[in-house]
Amino acid sequence: MAPFLDHLPEDAWSSSVELLTPRQLDVFLLLGKGLSTRQIAMRLAVTEHTVKAHTARILHVLGLESRLQAGLAAYVYETSVLARNHDSANT
């Protein structure tokens, strides 16, 4: 689904996401839902500049090149890693 993640083992990917601050994680997950910078800013009650700063840091920490890649990575993360963790917690 996300060929740019193929070179990164899932354990390393999970570890990279865990380096994000709670607010960066909020922005990351909202990117995965396809929200615009303005929509994320409104949802989190911060400025668009703040969202852009968080997005830049997310790209750096995860080694991604674009906001689109971050959104796809967030979608993959939420639908696979978080879903698996949720399933494990319920068993």
C-alpha atoms as a PDB file:
ATOM      1  CA  MET A   1       0.000   0.000   0.000  1.00  0.00           C
ATOM      2  CA  ALA A   2       2.762   2.453   0.836  1.00  0.00           C
ATOM      3  CA  PRO A   3       5.867   1.548  -1.199  1.00  0.00           C
ATOM      4  CA  PHE A   4       7.931   4.295   0.431  1.00  0.00           C
ATOM      5  CA  LEU A   5       7.638   2.336   3.693  1.00  0.00           C
ATOM      6  CA  ASP A   6       8.883  -0.924   2.173  1.00  0.00           C
ATOM      7  CA  HIS A   7      12.504  -0.200   3.087  1.00  0.00           C
ATOM      8  CA  LEU A   8      11.597   0.393   6.744  1.00  0.00           C
ATOM      9  CA  PRO A   9      10.787  -2.684   8.848  1.00  0.00           C
ATOM     10  CA  GLU A  10       7.542  -2.361  10.775  1.00  0.00           C
ATOM     11  CA  ASP A  11       9.327  -2.402  14.151  1.00  0.00           C
ATOM     12  CA  ALA A  12      11.488   0.544  13.079  1.00  0.00           C
ATOM     13  CA  TRP A  13       8.400   2.304  11.716  1.00  0.00           C
ATOM     14  CA  SER A  14       6.564   1.893  15.034  1.00  0.00           C
ATOM     15  CA  SER A  15       9.608   3.104  16.908  1.00  0.00           C
ATOM     16  CA  SER A  16       9.849   6.174  14.690  1.00  0.00           C
ATOM     17  CA  VAL A  17       6.228   7.119  15.338  1.00  0.00           C
ATOM     18  CA  GLU A  18       6.810   6.687  19.051  1.00  0.00           C
ATOM     19  CA  LEU A  19       9.391   9.497  18.848  1.00  0.00           C
ATOM     20  CA  LEU A  20       6.633  11.986  18.033  1.00  0.00           C
ATOM     21  CA  THR A  21       5.285  14.201  20.798  1.00  0.00           C
ATOM     22  CA  PRO A  22       1.620  13.738  21.720  1.00  0.00           C
ATOM     23  CA  ARG A  23       0.666  16.857  19.727  1.00  0.00           C
ATOM     24  CA  GLN A  24       2.735  15.753  16.727  1.00  0.00           C
ATOM     25  CA  LEU A  25       0.956  12.404  16.913  1.00  0.00           C
ATOM     26  CA  ASP A  26      -2.398  14.242  16.888  1.00  0.00           C
ATOM     27  CA  VAL A  27      -1.348  16.127  13.749  1.00  0.00           C
ATOM     28  CA  PHE A  28       0.055  12.933  12.186  1.00  0.00           C
ATOM     29  CA  LEU A  29      -3.197  11.019  12.687  1.00  0.00           C
ATOM     30  CA  LEU A  30      -5.288  13.912  11.371  1.00  0.00           C
ATOM     31  CA  LEU A  31      -3.087  14.020   8.267  1.00  0.00           C
ATOM     32  CA  GLY A  32      -3.999  10.371   7.822  1.00  0.00           C
ATOM     33  CA  LYS A  33      -7.669  11.314   7.820  1.00  0.00           C
ATOM     34  CA  GLY A  34      -7.017  13.712   4.940  1.00  0.00           C
ATOM     35  CA  LEU A  35      -7.572  16.948   6.849  1.00  0.00           C
ATOM     36  CA  SER A  36      -6.075  20.157   5.493  1.00  0.00           C
ATOM     37  CA  THR A  37      -3.698  22.319   7.480  1.00  0.00           C
ATOM     38  CA  ARG A  38      -6.552  24.728   8.196  1.00  0.00           C
ATOM     39  CA  GLN A  39      -8.876  21.926   9.331  1.00  0.00           C
ATOM     40  CA  ILE A  40      -6.212  20.481  11.627  1.00  0.00           C
ATOM     41  CA  ALA A  41      -5.544  23.928  13.100  1.00  0.00           C
ATOM     42  CA  MET A  42      -9.231  24.445  13.796  1.00  0.00           C
ATOM     43  CA  ARG A  43      -9.657  20.951  15.257  1.00  0.00           C
ATOM     44  CA  LEU A  44      -6.663  21.371  17.596  1.00  0.00           C
ATOM     45  CA  ALA A  45      -7.267  25.080  18.318  1.00  0.00           C
ATOM     46  CA  VAL A  46      -3.798  26.121  17.142  1.00  0.00           C
ATOM     47  CA  THR A  47      -2.541  28.298  14.292  1.00  0.00           C
ATOM     48  CA  GLU A  48      -1.880  27.005  10.799  1.00  0.00           C
ATOM     49  CA  HIS A  49       1.759  27.987  11.350  1.00  0.00           C
ATOM     50  CA  THR A  50       1.879  25.614  14.337  1.00  0.00           C
ATOM     51  CA  VAL A  51       0.402  22.777  12.259  1.00  0.00           C
ATOM     52  CA  LYS A  52       2.977  23.419   9.536  1.00  0.00           C
ATOM     53  CA  ALA A  53       5.771  23.344  12.125  1.00  0.00           C
ATOM     54  CA  HIS A  54       4.490  20.055  13.540  1.00  0.00           C
ATOM     55  CA  THR A  55       4.173  18.637  10.025  1.00  0.00           C
ATOM     56  CA  ALA A  56       7.762  19.603   9.203  1.00  0.00           C
ATOM     57  CA  ARG A  57       8.980  17.897  12.371  1.00  0.00           C
ATOM     58  CA  ILE A  58       6.912  14.785  11.602  1.00  0.00           C
ATOM     59  CA  LEU A  59       8.495  14.579   8.147  1.00  0.00           C
ATOM     60  CA  HIS A  60      11.962  14.899   9.669  1.00  0.00           C
ATOM     61  CA  VAL A  61      11.430  12.339  12.435  1.00  0.00           C
ATOM     62  CA  LEU A  62       9.859   9.769  10.111  1.00  0.00           C
ATOM     63  CA  GLY A  63      12.234  10.420   7.216  1.00  0.00           C
ATOM     64  CA  LEU A  64       9.450  11.331   4.812  1.00  0.00           C
ATOM     65  CA  GLU A  65       9.554  13.864   2.000  1.00  0.00           C
ATOM     66  CA  SER A  66       6.027  15.233   1.715  1.00  0.00           C
ATOM     67  CA  ARG A  67       2.789  15.918   3.511  1.00  0.00           C
ATOM     68  CA  LEU A  68       1.166  13.327   1.252  1.00  0.00           C
ATOM     69  CA  GLN A  69       3.632  10.668   2.388  1.00  0.00           C
ATOM     70  CA  ALA A  70       2.930  11.621   6.004  1.00  0.00           C
ATOM     71  CA  GLY A  71      -0.799  11.261   5.419  1.00  0.00           C
ATOM     72  CA  LEU A  72      -0.364   7.856   3.807  1.00  0.00           C
ATOM     73  CA  ALA A  73       1.991   6.751   6.571  1.00  0.00           C
ATOM     74  CA  ALA A  74      -0.512   7.879   9.205  1.00  0.00           C
ATOM     75  CA  TYR A  75      -3.267   5.945   7.463  1.00  0.00           C
ATOM     76  CA  VAL A  76      -1.106   2.811   7.354  1.00  0.00           C
ATOM     77  CA  TYR A  77      -0.094   3.319  10.979  1.00  0.00           C
ATOM     78  CA  GLU A  78      -3.642   3.780  12.195  1.00  0.00           C
ATOM     79  CA  THR A  79      -5.119   0.916  10.196  1.00  0.00           C
ATOM     80  CA  SER A  80      -2.387  -1.607  10.913  1.00  0.00           C
ATOM     81  CA  VAL A  81      -0.303  -0.829  13.998  1.00  0.00           C
ATOM     82  CA  LEU A  82      -3.001   0.817  16.122  1.00  0.00           C
ATOM     83  CA  ALA A  83      -5.636  -1.691  15.020  1.00  0.00           C
ATOM     84  CA  ARG A  84      -3.351  -4.599  15.918  1.00  0.00           C
ATOM     85  CA  ASN A  85      -2.585  -3.041  19.323  1.00  0.00           C
ATOM     86  CA  HIS A  86      -6.311  -2.523  19.904  1.00  0.00           C
ATOM     87  CA  ASP A  87      -7.036  -6.145  19.002  1.00  0.00           C
ATOM     88  CA  SER A  88      -4.273  -7.375  21.331  1.00  0.00           C
ATOM     89  CA  ALA A  89      -5.654  -5.318  24.215  1.00  0.00           C
ATOM     90  CA  ASN A  90      -9.124  -6.832  23.751  1.00  0.00           C
ATOM     91  CA  THR A  91      -7.951 -10.450  23.888  1.00  0.00           C
END
